[in-house]
Amino acid sequence: MFQIRIHGRGGQGVVSAAEMLSVAAFLEDRHAQAFPSFGSERMGAPVMAFCRIDDKPIRLREPVAEPDALIVQDATLLHQVDLFAGLTPGGIILLNSKHDFRELGLASLAGGDRRYRIFSIPATDLALKHVGRAVPNAALLGGLAAVGGVVRLASVVAAIREKFPAAIAEKNVAAATEAHALVARALEPAHA
Protein backbone atom coordinates (compact mmCIF):
# COMPACT_ATOMS: atom_id res chain seq x y z
CA MET A 1 0.00 0.00 0.00
CA PHE A 2 1.21 3.49 -0.86
CA GLN A 3 0.10 6.23 1.54
CA ILE A 4 0.13 9.98 0.89
CA ARG A 5 -0.43 12.85 3.31
CA ILE A 6 -1.18 16.28 1.88
CA HIS A 7 -0.66 19.46 3.93
CA GLY A 8 -1.87 22.90 2.97
CA ARG A 9 -4.25 25.66 3.89
CA GLY A 10 -7.98 25.97 3.36
CA GLY A 11 -8.71 27.16 -0.16
CA GLN A 12 -5.60 25.62 -1.77
CA GLY A 13 -7.35 22.50 -3.03
CA VAL A 14 -5.88 20.05 -0.51
CA VAL A 15 -9.03 17.92 -0.35
CA SER A 16 -9.47 18.09 -4.13
CA ALA A 17 -5.87 16.91 -4.57
CA ALA A 18 -6.52 13.78 -2.50
CA GLU A 19 -9.75 13.13 -4.39
CA MET A 20 -8.11 13.54 -7.81
CA LEU A 21 -5.23 11.29 -6.76
CA SER A 22 -7.66 8.55 -5.72
CA VAL A 23 -9.58 8.91 -9.01
CA ALA A 24 -6.27 8.61 -10.91
CA ALA A 25 -5.59 5.35 -9.06
CA PHE A 26 -9.12 4.05 -9.81
CA LEU A 27 -8.53 4.80 -13.48
CA GLU A 28 -5.51 2.46 -13.28
CA ASP A 29 -7.74 -0.31 -11.85
CA ARG A 30 -6.30 0.09 -8.38
CA HIS A 31 -8.02 0.55 -5.05
CA ALA A 32 -7.87 3.96 -3.39
CA GLN A 33 -9.39 6.09 -0.68
CA ALA A 34 -9.20 9.79 0.01
CA PHE A 35 -10.43 11.77 2.99
CA PRO A 36 -9.74 15.11 4.72
CA SER A 37 -8.87 16.17 8.23
CA PHE A 38 -9.89 19.69 9.16
CA GLY A 39 -8.95 21.88 12.09
CA SER A 40 -10.90 25.07 12.10
CA GLU A 41 -12.79 25.00 8.83
CA ARG A 42 -11.96 28.38 7.36
CA MET A 43 -10.00 29.81 4.47
CA GLY A 44 -6.28 29.85 5.26
CA ALA A 45 -6.42 27.42 8.21
CA PRO A 46 -4.09 24.38 8.11
CA VAL A 47 -5.74 21.41 6.40
CA MET A 48 -4.62 17.83 5.84
CA ALA A 49 -5.94 15.23 3.45
CA PHE A 50 -4.96 11.62 3.00
CA CYS A 51 -4.88 9.16 0.14
CA ARG A 52 -4.12 5.45 0.09
CA ILE A 53 -3.49 3.44 -3.07
CA ASP A 54 -3.18 -0.32 -3.26
CA ASP A 55 -3.68 -3.24 -5.62
CA LYS A 56 -6.11 -4.86 -3.17
CA PRO A 57 -9.05 -3.54 -1.13
CA ILE A 58 -8.10 -1.07 1.59
CA ARG A 59 -9.56 -1.76 5.01
CA LEU A 60 -7.82 0.98 7.02
CA ARG A 61 -9.89 4.02 7.89
CA GLU A 62 -7.65 6.07 10.16
CA PRO A 63 -5.51 9.06 9.14
CA VAL A 64 -2.18 8.31 7.47
CA ALA A 65 0.41 8.39 10.26
CA GLU A 66 3.32 6.88 8.29
CA PRO A 67 3.13 8.25 4.74
CA ASP A 68 5.30 7.10 1.86
CA ALA A 69 4.88 10.52 0.28
CA LEU A 70 4.20 13.98 1.60
CA ILE A 71 2.79 16.80 -0.49
CA VAL A 72 3.27 20.24 1.07
CA GLN A 73 1.08 22.77 -0.72
CA ASP A 74 2.12 25.69 1.49
CA ALA A 75 5.76 26.17 2.52
CA THR A 76 4.70 28.52 5.36
CA LEU A 77 3.67 25.36 7.22
CA LEU A 78 7.28 24.14 7.35
CA HIS A 79 7.93 25.73 10.71
CA GLN A 80 4.37 25.64 12.12
CA VAL A 81 3.44 21.97 11.85
CA ASP A 82 5.52 18.78 12.21
CA LEU A 83 5.05 17.93 8.56
CA PHE A 84 7.63 15.18 8.41
CA ALA A 85 6.36 13.11 11.37
CA GLY A 86 6.12 9.46 10.45
CA LEU A 87 7.45 9.82 6.89
CA THR A 88 8.96 6.47 5.95
CA PRO A 89 12.72 6.26 5.22
CA GLY A 90 13.30 7.00 1.54
CA GLY A 91 9.92 8.75 1.42
CA ILE A 92 9.01 11.35 -1.16
CA ILE A 93 8.50 15.02 -0.30
CA LEU A 94 6.94 17.34 -2.87
CA LEU A 95 7.22 20.91 -1.69
CA ASN A 96 5.44 23.85 -3.27
CA SER A 97 8.27 26.35 -3.43
CA LYS A 98 10.40 28.10 -6.01
CA HIS A 99 13.29 27.72 -3.56
CA ASP A 100 15.49 24.65 -3.45
CA PHE A 101 15.07 22.52 -0.33
CA ARG A 102 18.62 23.48 0.69
CA GLU A 103 17.65 27.16 0.64
CA LEU A 104 14.71 26.31 2.88
CA GLY A 105 16.99 24.67 5.47
CA LEU A 106 15.85 21.14 4.69
CA ALA A 107 19.15 19.69 3.41
CA SER A 108 19.47 17.46 6.48
CA LEU A 109 16.30 15.62 5.42
CA ALA A 110 17.98 14.40 2.22
CA GLY A 111 20.93 12.92 4.13
CA GLY A 112 21.31 10.64 7.11
CA ASP A 113 19.56 7.31 7.46
CA ARG A 114 16.19 8.62 6.26
CA ARG A 115 17.34 9.85 2.82
CA TYR A 116 14.07 11.46 1.82
CA ARG A 117 13.63 12.27 -1.87
CA ILE A 118 12.77 15.97 -1.89
CA PHE A 119 11.45 17.89 -4.87
CA SER A 120 10.73 21.61 -4.87
CA ILE A 121 8.09 22.57 -7.41
CA PRO A 122 6.99 26.17 -8.01
CA ALA A 123 3.39 24.92 -8.04
CA THR A 124 1.78 28.21 -7.09
CA ASP A 125 3.68 29.98 -9.86
CA LEU A 126 2.59 27.29 -12.33
CA ALA A 127 -1.02 27.59 -11.17
CA LEU A 128 -0.94 31.37 -11.54
CA LYS A 129 0.63 31.05 -14.99
CA HIS A 130 -1.80 28.45 -16.33
CA VAL A 131 -4.94 28.68 -14.19
CA GLY A 132 -4.82 32.30 -13.06
CA ARG A 133 -5.35 31.32 -9.41
CA ALA A 134 -2.96 30.29 -6.61
CA VAL A 135 -4.26 26.71 -6.36
CA PRO A 136 -1.18 24.45 -6.54
CA ASN A 137 -2.84 21.03 -6.25
CA ALA A 138 -2.87 19.92 -9.90
CA ALA A 139 0.76 20.93 -10.44
CA LEU A 140 1.86 18.95 -7.38
CA LEU A 141 -0.02 15.87 -8.58
CA GLY A 142 1.76 16.17 -11.91
CA GLY A 143 5.04 16.28 -10.00
CA LEU A 144 4.10 13.20 -8.00
CA ALA A 145 3.34 11.31 -11.22
CA ALA A 146 6.87 12.08 -12.44
CA VAL A 147 8.47 10.47 -9.40
CA GLY A 148 7.07 7.16 -10.60
CA GLY A 149 5.38 4.17 -9.07
CA VAL A 150 2.34 6.00 -7.69
CA VAL A 151 0.16 7.00 -10.66
CA ARG A 152 0.86 7.93 -14.27
CA LEU A 153 0.52 11.45 -15.65
CA ALA A 154 -2.18 10.27 -18.07
CA SER A 155 -4.29 9.15 -15.09
CA VAL A 156 -3.75 12.45 -13.26
CA VAL A 157 -4.78 14.31 -16.42
CA ALA A 158 -7.93 12.17 -16.74
CA ALA A 159 -8.78 12.78 -13.06
CA ILE A 160 -8.35 16.54 -13.51
CA ARG A 161 -10.61 16.46 -16.55
CA GLU A 162 -13.20 14.51 -14.56
CA LYS A 163 -13.08 16.99 -11.66
CA PHE A 164 -13.30 20.32 -13.48
CA PRO A 165 -15.27 21.84 -16.36
CA ALA A 166 -13.37 21.67 -19.67
CA ALA A 167 -11.83 25.17 -19.75
CA ILE A 168 -10.63 25.00 -16.14
CA ALA A 169 -9.52 21.40 -16.53
CA GLU A 170 -7.24 22.17 -19.47
CA LYS A 171 -5.55 24.97 -17.55
CA ASN A 172 -4.91 22.61 -14.64
CA VAL A 173 -3.68 19.93 -17.05
CA ALA A 174 -1.13 22.43 -18.40
CA ALA A 175 0.11 23.17 -14.84
CA ALA A 176 0.33 19.44 -14.02
CA THR A 177 2.14 18.67 -17.26
CA GLU A 178 4.72 21.42 -16.74
CA ALA A 179 5.33 20.29 -13.13
CA HIS A 180 5.73 16.71 -14.35
CA ALA A 181 8.40 17.86 -16.81
CA LEU A 182 10.26 19.81 -14.10
CA VAL A 183 10.41 16.81 -11.76
CA ALA A 184 11.31 14.43 -14.60
CA ARG A 185 14.19 16.73 -15.52
CA ALA A 186 15.34 16.80 -11.87
CA LEU A 187 15.38 12.99 -11.87
CA GLU A 188 17.72 12.80 -14.84
CA PRO A 189 21.20 11.56 -13.83
CA ALA A 190 22.89 14.87 -14.66
CA HIS A 191 20.62 16.66 -12.17
CA ALA A 192 20.60 14.09 -9.36
C-alpha atoms as a PDB file:
ATOM      1  CA  MET A   1       0.000   0.000   0.000  1.00  0.00           C
ATOM      2  CA  PHE A   2       1.212   3.493  -0.855  1.00  0.00           C
ATOM      3  CA  GLN A   3       0.098   6.229   1.539  1.00  0.00           C
ATOM      4  CA  ILE A   4       0.133   9.984   0.885  1.00  0.00           C
ATOM      5  CA  ARG A   5      -0.434  12.846   3.308  1.00  0.00           C
ATOM      6  CA  ILE A   6      -1.179  16.285   1.880  1.00  0.00           C
ATOM      7  CA  HIS A   7      -0.665  19.455   3.928  1.00  0.00           C
ATOM      8  CA  GLY A   8      -1.867  22.900   2.969  1.00  0.00           C
ATOM      9  CA  ARG A   9      -4.253  25.655   3.887  1.00  0.00           C
ATOM     10  CA  GLY A  10      -7.985  25.969   3.362  1.00  0.00           C
ATOM     11  CA  GLY A  11      -8.714  27.162  -0.156  1.00  0.00           C
ATOM     12  CA  GLN A  12      -5.604  25.624  -1.772  1.00  0.00           C
ATOM     13  CA  GLY A  13      -7.349  22.503  -3.034  1.00  0.00           C
ATOM     14  CA  VAL A  14      -5.879  20.045  -0.515  1.00  0.00           C
ATOM     15  CA  VAL A  15      -9.029  17.921  -0.351  1.00  0.00           C
ATOM     16  CA  SER A  16      -9.473  18.087  -4.130  1.00  0.00           C
ATOM     17  CA  ALA A  17      -5.870  16.909  -4.572  1.00  0.00           C
ATOM     18  CA  ALA A  18      -6.516  13.780  -2.503  1.00  0.00           C
ATOM     19  CA  GLU A  19      -9.750  13.132  -4.392  1.00  0.00           C
ATOM     20  CA  MET A  20      -8.110  13.539  -7.808  1.00  0.00           C
ATOM     21  CA  LEU A  21      -5.226  11.287  -6.760  1.00  0.00           C
ATOM     22  CA  SER A  22      -7.658   8.549  -5.719  1.00  0.00           C
ATOM     23  CA  VAL A  23      -9.579   8.914  -9.014  1.00  0.00           C
ATOM     24  CA  ALA A  24      -6.267   8.614 -10.906  1.00  0.00           C
ATOM     25  CA  ALA A  25      -5.592   5.352  -9.059  1.00  0.00           C
ATOM     26  CA  PHE A  26      -9.123   4.052  -9.808  1.00  0.00           C
ATOM     27  CA  LEU A  27      -8.526   4.796 -13.484  1.00  0.00           C
ATOM     28  CA  GLU A  28      -5.514   2.458 -13.284  1.00  0.00           C
ATOM     29  CA  ASP A  29      -7.743  -0.306 -11.852  1.00  0.00           C
ATOM     30  CA  ARG A  30      -6.298   0.095  -8.381  1.00  0.00           C
ATOM     31  CA  HIS A  31      -8.025   0.553  -5.050  1.00  0.00           C
ATOM     32  CA  ALA A  32      -7.870   3.958  -3.387  1.00  0.00           C
ATOM     33  CA  GLN A  33      -9.387   6.085  -0.683  1.00  0.00           C
ATOM     34  CA  ALA A  34      -9.200   9.791   0.010  1.00  0.00           C
ATOM     35  CA  PHE A  35     -10.431  11.771   2.995  1.00  0.00           C
ATOM     36  CA  PRO A  36      -9.740  15.108   4.717  1.00  0.00           C
ATOM     37  CA  SER A  37      -8.868  16.171   8.235  1.00  0.00           C
ATOM     38  CA  PHE A  38      -9.894  19.686   9.160  1.00  0.00           C
ATOM     39  CA  GLY A  39      -8.950  21.876  12.092  1.00  0.00           C
ATOM     40  CA  SER A  40     -10.899  25.068  12.104  1.00  0.00           C
ATOM     41  CA  GLU A  41     -12.786  25.004   8.830  1.00  0.00           C
ATOM     42  CA  ARG A  42     -11.960  28.382   7.357  1.00  0.00           C
ATOM     43  CA  MET A  43      -9.995  29.814   4.473  1.00  0.00           C
ATOM     44  CA  GLY A  44      -6.283  29.846   5.264  1.00  0.00           C
ATOM     45  CA  ALA A  45      -6.415  27.419   8.210  1.00  0.00           C
ATOM     46  CA  PRO A  46      -4.090  24.380   8.112  1.00  0.00           C
ATOM     47  CA  VAL A  47      -5.737  21.411   6.404  1.00  0.00           C
ATOM     48  CA  MET A  48      -4.619  17.828   5.840  1.00  0.00           C
ATOM     49  CA  ALA A  49      -5.944  15.226   3.454  1.00  0.00           C
ATOM     50  CA  PHE A  50      -4.955  11.618   2.996  1.00  0.00           C
ATOM     51  CA  CYS A  51      -4.878   9.157   0.136  1.00  0.00           C
ATOM     52  CA  ARG A  52      -4.118   5.454   0.094  1.00  0.00           C
ATOM     53  CA  ILE A  53      -3.486   3.437  -3.067  1.00  0.00           C
ATOM     54  CA  ASP A  54      -3.178  -0.320  -3.260  1.00  0.00           C
ATOM     55  CA  ASP A  55      -3.676  -3.244  -5.620  1.00  0.00           C
ATOM     56  CA  LYS A  56      -6.107  -4.863  -3.172  1.00  0.00           C
ATOM     57  CA  PRO A  57      -9.048  -3.537  -1.131  1.00  0.00           C
ATOM     58  CA  ILE A  58      -8.096  -1.067   1.593  1.00  0.00           C
ATOM     59  CA  ARG A  59      -9.556  -1.764   5.013  1.00  0.00           C
ATOM     60  CA  LEU A  60      -7.818   0.980   7.018  1.00  0.00           C
ATOM     61  CA  ARG A  61      -9.894   4.020   7.885  1.00  0.00           C
ATOM     62  CA  GLU A  62      -7.651   6.065  10.155  1.00  0.00           C
ATOM     63  CA  PRO A  63      -5.507   9.055   9.135  1.00  0.00           C
ATOM     64  CA  VAL A  64      -2.176   8.312   7.473  1.00  0.00           C
ATOM     65  CA  ALA A  65       0.410   8.390  10.259  1.00  0.00           C
ATOM     66  CA  GLU A  66       3.315   6.882   8.288  1.00  0.00           C
ATOM     67  CA  PRO A  67       3.128   8.252   4.741  1.00  0.00           C
ATOM     68  CA  ASP A  68       5.299   7.097   1.863  1.00  0.00           C
ATOM     69  CA  ALA A  69       4.880  10.520   0.284  1.00  0.00           C
ATOM     70  CA  LEU A  70       4.201  13.977   1.598  1.00  0.00           C
ATOM     71  CA  ILE A  71       2.786  16.804  -0.492  1.00  0.00           C
ATOM     72  CA  VAL A  72       3.274  20.237   1.068  1.00  0.00           C
ATOM     73  CA  GLN A  73       1.085  22.769  -0.722  1.00  0.00           C
ATOM     74  CA  ASP A  74       2.122  25.693   1.486  1.00  0.00           C
ATOM     75  CA  ALA A  75       5.755  26.174   2.520  1.00  0.00           C
ATOM     76  CA  THR A  76       4.704  28.516   5.361  1.00  0.00           C
ATOM     77  CA  LEU A  77       3.666  25.356   7.217  1.00  0.00           C
ATOM     78  CA  LEU A  78       7.277  24.135   7.348  1.00  0.00           C
ATOM     79  CA  HIS A  79       7.928  25.726  10.715  1.00  0.00           C
ATOM     80  CA  GLN A  80       4.375  25.635  12.121  1.00  0.00           C
ATOM     81  CA  VAL A  81       3.443  21.968  11.849  1.00  0.00           C
ATOM     82  CA  ASP A  82       5.518  18.779  12.214  1.00  0.00           C
ATOM     83  CA  LEU A  83       5.049  17.928   8.561  1.00  0.00           C
ATOM     84  CA  PHE A  84       7.632  15.175   8.415  1.00  0.00           C
ATOM     85  CA  ALA A  85       6.358  13.115  11.367  1.00  0.00           C
ATOM     86  CA  GLY A  86       6.116   9.456  10.449  1.00  0.00           C
ATOM     87  CA  LEU A  87       7.450   9.820   6.893  1.00  0.00           C
ATOM     88  CA  THR A  88       8.964   6.468   5.951  1.00  0.00           C
ATOM     89  CA  PRO A  89      12.715   6.262   5.223  1.00  0.00           C
ATOM     90  CA  GLY A  90      13.296   6.996   1.539  1.00  0.00           C
ATOM     91  CA  GLY A  91       9.918   8.752   1.420  1.00  0.00           C
ATOM     92  CA  ILE A  92       9.009  11.355  -1.161  1.00  0.00           C
ATOM     93  CA  ILE A  93       8.504  15.019  -0.302  1.00  0.00           C
ATOM     94  CA  LEU A  94       6.937  17.338  -2.874  1.00  0.00           C
ATOM     95  CA  LEU A  95       7.223  20.906  -1.686  1.00  0.00           C
ATOM     96  CA  ASN A  96       5.439  23.848  -3.265  1.00  0.00           C
ATOM     97  CA  SER A  97       8.274  26.351  -3.434  1.00  0.00           C
ATOM     98  CA  LYS A  98      10.395  28.100  -6.009  1.00  0.00           C
ATOM     99  CA  HIS A  99      13.291  27.721  -3.560  1.00  0.00           C
ATOM    100  CA  ASP A 100      15.487  24.653  -3.451  1.00  0.00           C
ATOM    101  CA  PHE A 101      15.071  22.516  -0.331  1.00  0.00           C
ATOM    102  CA  ARG A 102      18.618  23.481   0.693  1.00  0.00           C
ATOM    103  CA  GLU A 103      17.651  27.161   0.638  1.00  0.00           C
ATOM    104  CA  LEU A 104      14.708  26.308   2.878  1.00  0.00           C
ATOM    105  CA  GLY A 105      16.991  24.674   5.468  1.00  0.00           C
ATOM    106  CA  LEU A 106      15.854  21.136   4.688  1.00  0.00           C
ATOM    107  CA  ALA A 107      19.145  19.687   3.410  1.00  0.00           C
ATOM    108  CA  SER A 108      19.470  17.460   6.480  1.00  0.00           C
ATOM    109  CA  LEU A 109      16.300  15.615   5.418  1.00  0.00           C
ATOM    110  CA  ALA A 110      17.978  14.397   2.224  1.00  0.00           C
ATOM    111  CA  GLY A 111      20.933  12.918   4.125  1.00  0.00           C
ATOM    112  CA  GLY A 112      21.310  10.636   7.111  1.00  0.00           C
ATOM    113  CA  ASP A 113      19.564   7.305   7.456  1.00  0.00           C
ATOM    114  CA  ARG A 114      16.186   8.624   6.262  1.00  0.00           C
ATOM    115  CA  ARG A 115      17.339   9.846   2.815  1.00  0.00           C
ATOM    116  CA  TYR A 116      14.068  11.462   1.816  1.00  0.00           C
ATOM    117  CA  ARG A 117      13.631  12.265  -1.865  1.00  0.00           C
ATOM    118  CA  ILE A 118      12.769  15.967  -1.894  1.00  0.00           C
ATOM    119  CA  PHE A 119      11.449  17.885  -4.870  1.00  0.00           C
ATOM    120  CA  SER A 120      10.735  21.607  -4.874  1.00  0.00           C
ATOM    121  CA  ILE A 121       8.087  22.572  -7.414  1.00  0.00           C
ATOM    122  CA  PRO A 122       6.993  26.173  -8.015  1.00  0.00           C
ATOM    123  CA  ALA A 123       3.394  24.918  -8.042  1.00  0.00           C
ATOM    124  CA  THR A 124       1.779  28.213  -7.088  1.00  0.00           C
ATOM    125  CA  ASP A 125       3.683  29.982  -9.864  1.00  0.00           C
ATOM    126  CA  LEU A 126       2.594  27.288 -12.327  1.00  0.00           C
ATOM    127  CA  ALA A 127      -1.017  27.588 -11.172  1.00  0.00           C
ATOM    128  CA  LEU A 128      -0.941  31.369 -11.540  1.00  0.00           C
ATOM    129  CA  LYS A 129       0.633  31.050 -14.990  1.00  0.00           C
ATOM    130  CA  HIS A 130      -1.802  28.450 -16.333  1.00  0.00           C
ATOM    131  CA  VAL A 131      -4.944  28.678 -14.191  1.00  0.00           C
ATOM    132  CA  GLY A 132      -4.824  32.298 -13.062  1.00  0.00           C
ATOM    133  CA  ARG A 133      -5.354  31.324  -9.408  1.00  0.00           C
ATOM    134  CA  ALA A 134      -2.964  30.294  -6.614  1.00  0.00           C
ATOM    135  CA  VAL A 135      -4.256  26.714  -6.360  1.00  0.00           C
ATOM    136  CA  PRO A 136      -1.179  24.447  -6.538  1.00  0.00           C
ATOM    137  CA  ASN A 137      -2.839  21.026  -6.248  1.00  0.00           C
ATOM    138  CA  ALA A 138      -2.872  19.915  -9.903  1.00  0.00           C
ATOM    139  CA  ALA A 139       0.755  20.926 -10.439  1.00  0.00           C
ATOM    140  CA  LEU A 140       1.862  18.954  -7.379  1.00  0.00           C
ATOM    141  CA  LEU A 141      -0.022  15.872  -8.578  1.00  0.00           C
ATOM    142  CA  GLY A 142       1.763  16.171 -11.911  1.00  0.00           C
ATOM    143  CA  GLY A 143       5.043  16.280  -9.997  1.00  0.00           C
ATOM    144  CA  LEU A 144       4.101  13.196  -7.997  1.00  0.00           C
ATOM    145  CA  ALA A 145       3.337  11.312 -11.223  1.00  0.00           C
ATOM    146  CA  ALA A 146       6.873  12.078 -12.442  1.00  0.00           C
ATOM    147  CA  VAL A 147       8.474  10.466  -9.397  1.00  0.00           C
ATOM    148  CA  GLY A 148       7.066   7.158 -10.601  1.00  0.00           C
ATOM    149  CA  GLY A 149       5.375   4.173  -9.067  1.00  0.00           C
ATOM    150  CA  VAL A 150       2.340   6.005  -7.694  1.00  0.00           C
ATOM    151  CA  VAL A 151       0.164   7.002 -10.658  1.00  0.00           C
ATOM    152  CA  ARG A 152       0.857   7.931 -14.268  1.00  0.00           C
ATOM    153  CA  LEU A 153       0.520  11.450 -15.645  1.00  0.00           C
ATOM    154  CA  ALA A 154      -2.177  10.268 -18.065  1.00  0.00           C
ATOM    155  CA  SER A 155      -4.288   9.146 -15.088  1.00  0.00           C
ATOM    156  CA  VAL A 156      -3.748  12.450 -13.265  1.00  0.00           C
ATOM    157  CA  VAL A 157      -4.779  14.307 -16.424  1.00  0.00           C
ATOM    158  CA  ALA A 158      -7.933  12.169 -16.740  1.00  0.00           C
ATOM    159  CA  ALA A 159      -8.784  12.775 -13.062  1.00  0.00           C
ATOM    160  CA  ILE A 160      -8.352  16.538 -13.510  1.00  0.00           C
ATOM    161  CA  ARG A 161     -10.611  16.457 -16.550  1.00  0.00           C
ATOM    162  CA  GLU A 162     -13.198  14.510 -14.559  1.00  0.00           C
ATOM    163  CA  LYS A 163     -13.077  16.987 -11.661  1.00  0.00           C
ATOM    164  CA  PHE A 164     -13.298  20.321 -13.479  1.00  0.00           C
ATOM    165  CA  PRO A 165     -15.274  21.839 -16.362  1.00  0.00           C
ATOM    166  CA  ALA A 166     -13.371  21.670 -19.669  1.00  0.00           C
ATOM    167  CA  ALA A 167     -11.828  25.167 -19.748  1.00  0.00           C
ATOM    168  CA  ILE A 168     -10.631  25.001 -16.136  1.00  0.00           C
ATOM    169  CA  ALA A 169      -9.515  21.396 -16.534  1.00  0.00           C
ATOM    170  CA  GLU A 170      -7.243  22.168 -19.474  1.00  0.00           C
ATOM    171  CA  LYS A 171      -5.545  24.973 -17.553  1.00  0.00           C
ATOM    172  CA  ASN A 172      -4.907  22.608 -14.639  1.00  0.00           C
ATOM    173  CA  VAL A 173      -3.681  19.934 -17.051  1.00  0.00           C
ATOM    174  CA  ALA A 174      -1.128  22.431 -18.396  1.00  0.00           C
ATOM    175  CA  ALA A 175       0.106  23.168 -14.841  1.00  0.00           C
ATOM    176  CA  ALA A 176       0.334  19.441 -14.018  1.00  0.00           C
ATOM    177  CA  THR A 177       2.143  18.669 -17.264  1.00  0.00           C
ATOM    178  CA  GLU A 178       4.719  21.418 -16.743  1.00  0.00           C
ATOM    179  CA  ALA A 179       5.333  20.292 -13.135  1.00  0.00           C
ATOM    180  CA  HIS A 180       5.734  16.707 -14.355  1.00  0.00           C
ATOM    181  CA  ALA A 181       8.397  17.857 -16.815  1.00  0.00           C
ATOM    182  CA  LEU A 182      10.260  19.813 -14.100  1.00  0.00           C
ATOM    183  CA  VAL A 183      10.413  16.812 -11.762  1.00  0.00           C
ATOM    184  CA  ALA A 184      11.307  14.427 -14.604  1.00  0.00           C
ATOM    185  CA  ARG A 185      14.188  16.730 -15.519  1.00  0.00           C
ATOM    186  CA  ALA A 186      15.343  16.804 -11.875  1.00  0.00           C
ATOM    187  CA  LEU A 187      15.383  12.993 -11.865  1.00  0.00           C
ATOM    188  CA  GLU A 188      17.723  12.802 -14.844  1.00  0.00           C
ATOM    189  CA  PRO A 189      21.200  11.555 -13.833  1.00  0.00           C
ATOM    190  CA  ALA A 190      22.893  14.872 -14.661  1.00  0.00           C
ATOM    191  CA  HIS A 191      20.622  16.661 -12.169  1.00  0.00           C
ATOM    192  CA  ALA A 192      20.603  14.094  -9.362  1.00  0.00           C
END
